[in-house]
């Protein structure tokens, strides 16, 4: 799989230049909070990240699919499908839009919808889950719009920014996604 096309985005394999694009995005003012959090590992230089990228390229994990999100000819974020369990047909998805300027424009919704289509229709997944901070209302709205349901809360799950934070677990079953996707396509065709 070299790339997947959504309505507004393209999901494609990482290239070395994308490591630099992600690094540059992390240096902006709107990413300052992310850079200053209490990470479990020390910050890494661009060179270290590029070395990690090269190592990951030669040791691909079949239970992980990592892609970048491209919109309007530039890389704006990343999306991963991981913990892919072919026996139970479950996986976990995670995504990030790197710049505040690109958030709220529908790119994340389209990227997630595109990845879910691929996971359910080509990998034959039965269930996909994600986790999100319960206070991230924008992300929760996107996930619910796509059909994810709130399944539970991991209380004080991780230490971040000086305190313990809860983590909301959301999941979607293939039949739920297919029903929601048909509705979205019908609405899109009706409005065209």
C-alpha atoms as a PDB file:
ATOM      1  CA  UNK A   1       0.000   0.000   0.000  1.00  0.00           C
ATOM      2  CA  UNK A   2       1.661   3.177  -1.162  1.00  0.00           C
ATOM      3  CA  UNK A   3      -1.236   5.557  -0.547  1.00  0.00           C
ATOM      4  CA  UNK A   4      -4.946   5.867   0.194  1.00  0.00           C
ATOM      5  CA  UNK A   5      -7.057   8.690  -1.215  1.00  0.00           C
ATOM      6  CA  UNK A   6      -9.777  10.370   0.793  1.00  0.00           C
ATOM      7  CA  UNK A   7     -12.036  13.201  -0.339  1.00  0.00           C
ATOM      8  CA  UNK A   8      -9.650  15.915   0.900  1.00  0.00           C
ATOM      9  CA  UNK A   9      -6.492  14.093   1.963  1.00  0.00           C
ATOM     10  CA  UNK A  10      -4.039  11.462   0.838  1.00  0.00           C
ATOM     11  CA  UNK A  11      -2.629   8.973   3.318  1.00  0.00           C
ATOM     12  CA  UNK A  12       0.772   7.721   2.228  1.00  0.00           C
ATOM     13  CA  UNK A  13       3.844   5.995   3.571  1.00  0.00           C
ATOM     14  CA  UNK A  14       6.353   8.065   5.506  1.00  0.00           C
ATOM     15  CA  UNK A  15       9.406   9.341   3.665  1.00  0.00           C
ATOM     16  CA  UNK A  16      12.569  10.731   5.211  1.00  0.00           C
ATOM     17  CA  UNK A  17      11.575  14.336   4.363  1.00  0.00           C
ATOM     18  CA  UNK A  18       8.383  13.872   6.394  1.00  0.00           C
ATOM     19  CA  UNK A  19      10.461  13.451   9.543  1.00  0.00           C
ATOM     20  CA  UNK A  20      11.778  16.978   8.959  1.00  0.00           C
ATOM     21  CA  UNK A  21       8.257  18.316   8.302  1.00  0.00           C
ATOM     22  CA  UNK A  22       7.029  16.845  11.594  1.00  0.00           C
ATOM     23  CA  UNK A  23      10.081  18.239  13.388  1.00  0.00           C
ATOM     24  CA  UNK A  24       9.482  21.713  11.939  1.00  0.00           C
ATOM     25  CA  UNK A  25       5.807  21.605  12.959  1.00  0.00           C
ATOM     26  CA  UNK A  26       6.814  20.695  16.515  1.00  0.00           C
ATOM     27  CA  UNK A  27       8.966  23.830  16.736  1.00  0.00           C
ATOM     28  CA  UNK A  28       6.052  26.241  16.225  1.00  0.00           C
ATOM     29  CA  UNK A  29       4.466  28.318  18.969  1.00  0.00           C
ATOM     30  CA  UNK A  30       1.209  26.302  18.990  1.00  0.00           C
ATOM     31  CA  UNK A  31       3.205  23.121  19.743  1.00  0.00           C
ATOM     32  CA  UNK A  32       5.018  24.609  22.753  1.00  0.00           C
ATOM     33  CA  UNK A  33       2.749  22.860  25.256  1.00  0.00           C
ATOM     34  CA  UNK A  34       3.468  19.505  23.651  1.00  0.00           C
ATOM     35  CA  UNK A  35       7.224  20.109  23.733  1.00  0.00           C
ATOM     36  CA  UNK A  36       7.267  21.103  27.407  1.00  0.00           C
ATOM     37  CA  UNK A  37       5.264  18.203  28.817  1.00  0.00           C
ATOM     38  CA  UNK A  38       6.745  15.652  31.191  1.00  0.00           C
ATOM     39  CA  UNK A  39       7.716  13.089  28.573  1.00  0.00           C
ATOM     40  CA  UNK A  40       8.755   9.592  29.615  1.00  0.00           C
ATOM     41  CA  UNK A  41      11.851   9.878  27.457  1.00  0.00           C
ATOM     42  CA  UNK A  42      14.163  12.800  26.815  1.00  0.00           C
ATOM     43  CA  UNK A  43      13.534  14.984  23.766  1.00  0.00           C
ATOM     44  CA  UNK A  44      15.220  13.812  20.568  1.00  0.00           C
ATOM     45  CA  UNK A  45      17.100  15.810  18.003  1.00  0.00           C
ATOM     46  CA  UNK A  46      16.149  15.825  14.338  1.00  0.00           C
ATOM     47  CA  UNK A  47      19.175  13.619  13.644  1.00  0.00           C
ATOM     48  CA  UNK A  48      18.014  11.058  16.248  1.00  0.00           C
ATOM     49  CA  UNK A  49      14.513  11.043  14.775  1.00  0.00           C
ATOM     50  CA  UNK A  50      15.913  10.509  11.285  1.00  0.00           C
ATOM     51  CA  UNK A  51      18.001   7.595  12.575  1.00  0.00           C
ATOM     52  CA  UNK A  52      14.885   6.087  14.199  1.00  0.00           C
ATOM     53  CA  UNK A  53      13.030   6.467  10.909  1.00  0.00           C
ATOM     54  CA  UNK A  54      15.774   4.584   9.041  1.00  0.00           C
ATOM     55  CA  UNK A  55      15.794   1.789  11.642  1.00  0.00           C
ATOM     56  CA  UNK A  56      12.001   1.468  11.486  1.00  0.00           C
ATOM     57  CA  UNK A  57      12.124   1.228   7.693  1.00  0.00           C
ATOM     58  CA  UNK A  58      14.330  -1.863   7.864  1.00  0.00           C
ATOM     59  CA  UNK A  59      12.394  -3.520  10.711  1.00  0.00           C
ATOM     60  CA  UNK A  60       8.761  -3.110   9.677  1.00  0.00           C
ATOM     61  CA  UNK A  61       6.183  -4.384  12.173  1.00  0.00           C
ATOM     62  CA  UNK A  62       3.222  -6.137  10.495  1.00  0.00           C
ATOM     63  CA  UNK A  63       0.969  -5.062  13.386  1.00  0.00           C
ATOM     64  CA  UNK A  64       1.571  -1.352  12.664  1.00  0.00           C
ATOM     65  CA  UNK A  65       0.671   0.843   9.690  1.00  0.00           C
ATOM     66  CA  UNK A  66       2.118   4.358   9.908  1.00  0.00           C
ATOM     67  CA  UNK A  67       1.164   6.986   7.345  1.00  0.00           C
ATOM     68  CA  UNK A  68       1.373  10.724   6.871  1.00  0.00           C
ATOM     69  CA  UNK A  69      -1.627  12.880   6.009  1.00  0.00           C
ATOM     70  CA  UNK A  70      -1.158  15.073   2.963  1.00  0.00           C
ATOM     71  CA  UNK A  71      -3.523  17.911   2.027  1.00  0.00           C
ATOM     72  CA  UNK A  72      -3.155  20.633  -0.559  1.00  0.00           C
ATOM     73  CA  UNK A  73       0.231  19.220  -1.575  1.00  0.00           C
ATOM     74  CA  UNK A  74       1.837  19.308   1.869  1.00  0.00           C
ATOM     75  CA  UNK A  75       2.170  16.996   4.846  1.00  0.00           C
ATOM     76  CA  UNK A  76      -0.086  18.144   7.694  1.00  0.00           C
ATOM     77  CA  UNK A  77      -0.151  15.226  10.126  1.00  0.00           C
ATOM     78  CA  UNK A  78       0.116  11.513  10.699  1.00  0.00           C
ATOM     79  CA  UNK A  79      -2.193   8.564  11.283  1.00  0.00           C
ATOM     80  CA  UNK A  80      -1.360   5.116  12.608  1.00  0.00           C
ATOM     81  CA  UNK A  81      -3.220   1.831  12.755  1.00  0.00           C
ATOM     82  CA  UNK A  82      -1.513  -0.335  15.358  1.00  0.00           C
ATOM     83  CA  UNK A  83      -1.968  -3.329  17.633  1.00  0.00           C
ATOM     84  CA  UNK A  84      -3.462  -4.962  14.539  1.00  0.00           C
ATOM     85  CA  UNK A  85      -4.748  -8.347  15.696  1.00  0.00           C
ATOM     86  CA  UNK A  86      -5.706 -10.470  12.686  1.00  0.00           C
ATOM     87  CA  UNK A  87      -7.165 -13.253  14.843  1.00  0.00           C
ATOM     88  CA  UNK A  88      -9.580 -11.053  16.802  1.00  0.00           C
ATOM     89  CA  UNK A  89      -9.778  -8.559  13.915  1.00  0.00           C
ATOM     90  CA  UNK A  90      -9.194  -5.555  16.181  1.00  0.00           C
ATOM     91  CA  UNK A  91      -6.885  -2.561  15.887  1.00  0.00           C
ATOM     92  CA  UNK A  92      -6.176   0.808  17.475  1.00  0.00           C
ATOM     93  CA  UNK A  93      -6.038   4.063  15.508  1.00  0.00           C
ATOM     94  CA  UNK A  94      -4.341   7.313  16.385  1.00  0.00           C
ATOM     95  CA  UNK A  95      -3.934  10.529  14.463  1.00  0.00           C
ATOM     96  CA  UNK A  96      -2.506  13.981  14.826  1.00  0.00           C
ATOM     97  CA  UNK A  97      -2.862  17.173  12.818  1.00  0.00           C
ATOM     98  CA  UNK A  98       0.394  18.984  13.498  1.00  0.00           C
ATOM     99  CA  UNK A  99      -0.546  22.654  13.105  1.00  0.00           C
ATOM    100  CA  UNK A 100      -3.435  24.541  14.679  1.00  0.00           C
ATOM    101  CA  UNK A 101      -3.939  26.222  11.281  1.00  0.00           C
ATOM    102  CA  UNK A 102      -4.886  22.843   9.776  1.00  0.00           C
ATOM    103  CA  UNK A 103      -7.263  21.793  12.564  1.00  0.00           C
ATOM    104  CA  UNK A 104     -10.992  22.322  12.182  1.00  0.00           C
ATOM    105  CA  UNK A 105     -10.801  22.105   8.382  1.00  0.00           C
ATOM    106  CA  UNK A 106     -12.064  18.532   8.006  1.00  0.00           C
ATOM    107  CA  UNK A 107      -8.676  16.973   7.298  1.00  0.00           C
ATOM    108  CA  UNK A 108      -8.660  14.808  10.424  1.00  0.00           C
ATOM    109  CA  UNK A 109     -12.214  13.614   9.782  1.00  0.00           C
ATOM    110  CA  UNK A 110     -11.374  12.666   6.201  1.00  0.00           C
ATOM    111  CA  UNK A 111      -8.100  10.992   7.199  1.00  0.00           C
ATOM    112  CA  UNK A 112      -9.791   8.914   9.892  1.00  0.00           C
ATOM    113  CA  UNK A 113     -12.698   7.971   7.609  1.00  0.00           C
ATOM    114  CA  UNK A 114     -10.215   6.913   4.901  1.00  0.00           C
ATOM    115  CA  UNK A 115      -8.179   4.801   7.336  1.00  0.00           C
ATOM    116  CA  UNK A 116     -11.330   3.172   8.731  1.00  0.00           C
ATOM    117  CA  UNK A 117     -12.546   2.277   5.229  1.00  0.00           C
ATOM    118  CA  UNK A 118      -9.229   0.590   4.552  1.00  0.00           C
ATOM    119  CA  UNK A 119      -9.115  -1.165   7.943  1.00  0.00           C
ATOM    120  CA  UNK A 120     -12.637  -2.557   7.656  1.00  0.00           C
ATOM    121  CA  UNK A 121     -12.771  -3.310   3.931  1.00  0.00           C
ATOM    122  CA  UNK A 122      -9.223  -4.423   3.172  1.00  0.00           C
ATOM    123  CA  UNK A 123      -7.830  -5.686   6.474  1.00  0.00           C
ATOM    124  CA  UNK A 124     -11.241  -7.118   7.405  1.00  0.00           C
ATOM    125  CA  UNK A 125     -11.131  -5.606  10.892  1.00  0.00           C
ATOM    126  CA  UNK A 126     -14.206  -6.075  13.068  1.00  0.00           C
ATOM    127  CA  UNK A 127     -13.479  -3.326  15.613  1.00  0.00           C
ATOM    128  CA  UNK A 128     -11.231  -0.276  15.825  1.00  0.00           C
ATOM    129  CA  UNK A 129     -10.665   1.730  18.982  1.00  0.00           C
ATOM    130  CA  UNK A 130      -8.896   4.900  19.997  1.00  0.00           C
ATOM    131  CA  UNK A 131      -8.169   6.838  23.140  1.00  0.00           C
ATOM    132  CA  UNK A 132      -8.503  10.563  23.663  1.00  0.00           C
ATOM    133  CA  UNK A 133      -8.381  13.045  26.494  1.00  0.00           C
ATOM    134  CA  UNK A 134     -11.986  13.534  27.666  1.00  0.00           C
ATOM    135  CA  UNK A 135     -11.434  17.303  27.651  1.00  0.00           C
ATOM    136  CA  UNK A 136     -10.518  17.283  23.935  1.00  0.00           C
ATOM    137  CA  UNK A 137     -14.055  18.189  22.840  1.00  0.00           C
ATOM    138  CA  UNK A 138     -13.106  18.903  19.224  1.00  0.00           C
ATOM    139  CA  UNK A 139     -11.606  15.434  18.739  1.00  0.00           C
ATOM    140  CA  UNK A 140     -14.463  13.681  20.568  1.00  0.00           C
ATOM    141  CA  UNK A 141     -16.977  15.422  18.249  1.00  0.00           C
ATOM    142  CA  UNK A 142     -15.065  14.210  15.180  1.00  0.00           C
ATOM    143  CA  UNK A 143     -14.951  10.649  16.477  1.00  0.00           C
ATOM    144  CA  UNK A 144     -18.650  10.607  17.367  1.00  0.00           C
ATOM    145  CA  UNK A 145     -19.518  12.095  13.962  1.00  0.00           C
ATOM    146  CA  UNK A 146     -17.782   9.112  12.359  1.00  0.00           C
ATOM    147  CA  UNK A 147     -19.699   6.672  14.574  1.00  0.00           C
ATOM    148  CA  UNK A 148     -17.325   5.975  17.466  1.00  0.00           C
ATOM    149  CA  UNK A 149     -19.055   5.371  20.793  1.00  0.00           C
ATOM    150  CA  UNK A 150     -17.754   6.048  24.285  1.00  0.00           C
ATOM    151  CA  UNK A 151     -16.848   2.708  25.828  1.00  0.00           C
ATOM    152  CA  UNK A 152     -15.142   3.631  29.047  1.00  0.00           C
ATOM    153  CA  UNK A 153     -12.724   5.788  30.967  1.00  0.00           C
ATOM    154  CA  UNK A 154      -9.264   4.878  32.181  1.00  0.00           C
ATOM    155  CA  UNK A 155      -9.036   6.997  35.300  1.00  0.00           C
ATOM    156  CA  UNK A 156      -5.757   8.797  35.958  1.00  0.00           C
ATOM    157  CA  UNK A 157      -4.221   6.712  33.187  1.00  0.00           C
ATOM    158  CA  UNK A 158      -1.091   8.724  32.439  1.00  0.00           C
ATOM    159  CA  UNK A 159       0.997  11.494  33.933  1.00  0.00           C
ATOM    160  CA  UNK A 160       1.045  14.569  31.720  1.00  0.00           C
ATOM    161  CA  UNK A 161       1.770  18.249  32.255  1.00  0.00           C
ATOM    162  CA  UNK A 162       2.256  17.843  35.999  1.00  0.00           C
ATOM    163  CA  UNK A 163      -0.774  15.708  36.861  1.00  0.00           C
ATOM    164  CA  UNK A 164      -2.524  12.420  36.191  1.00  0.00           C
ATOM    165  CA  UNK A 165      -4.975  12.490  33.285  1.00  0.00           C
ATOM    166  CA  UNK A 166      -7.977  10.374  32.396  1.00  0.00           C
ATOM    167  CA  UNK A 167      -8.237   8.686  29.025  1.00  0.00           C
ATOM    168  CA  UNK A 168     -11.538   8.160  27.201  1.00  0.00           C
ATOM    169  CA  UNK A 169     -11.767   4.912  25.224  1.00  0.00           C
ATOM    170  CA  UNK A 170     -13.946   5.018  22.118  1.00  0.00           C
ATOM    171  CA  UNK A 171     -14.636   2.230  19.655  1.00  0.00           C
ATOM    172  CA  UNK A 172     -16.433   1.500  16.433  1.00  0.00           C
ATOM    173  CA  UNK A 173     -17.590  -1.787  14.934  1.00  0.00           C
ATOM    174  CA  UNK A 174     -17.493  -2.466  11.224  1.00  0.00           C
ATOM    175  CA  UNK A 175     -21.304  -2.543  10.888  1.00  0.00           C
ATOM    176  CA  UNK A 176     -21.573   0.802  12.714  1.00  0.00           C
ATOM    177  CA  UNK A 177     -18.977   2.386  10.461  1.00  0.00           C
ATOM    178  CA  UNK A 178     -20.532   1.010   7.272  1.00  0.00           C
ATOM    179  CA  UNK A 179     -23.982   2.348   8.236  1.00  0.00           C
ATOM    180  CA  UNK A 180     -22.577   5.781   9.098  1.00  0.00           C
ATOM    181  CA  UNK A 181     -20.411   5.840   5.948  1.00  0.00           C
ATOM    182  CA  UNK A 182     -23.409   5.016   3.715  1.00  0.00           C
ATOM    183  CA  UNK A 183     -25.370   7.867   5.332  1.00  0.00           C
ATOM    184  CA  UNK A 184     -22.479  10.286   4.768  1.00  0.00           C
ATOM    185  CA  UNK A 185     -22.087   9.235   1.126  1.00  0.00           C
ATOM    186  CA  UNK A 186     -25.846   9.568   0.509  1.00  0.00           C
ATOM    187  CA  UNK A 187     -25.876  13.028   2.097  1.00  0.00           C
ATOM    188  CA  UNK A 188     -22.858  14.015   0.016  1.00  0.00           C
ATOM    189  CA  UNK A 189     -24.485  12.766  -3.203  1.00  0.00           C
ATOM    190  CA  UNK A 190     -27.758  14.521  -2.331  1.00  0.00           C
ATOM    191  CA  UNK A 191     -25.989  17.826  -1.742  1.00  0.00           C
ATOM    192  CA  UNK A 192     -23.914  17.634  -4.914  1.00  0.00           C
END
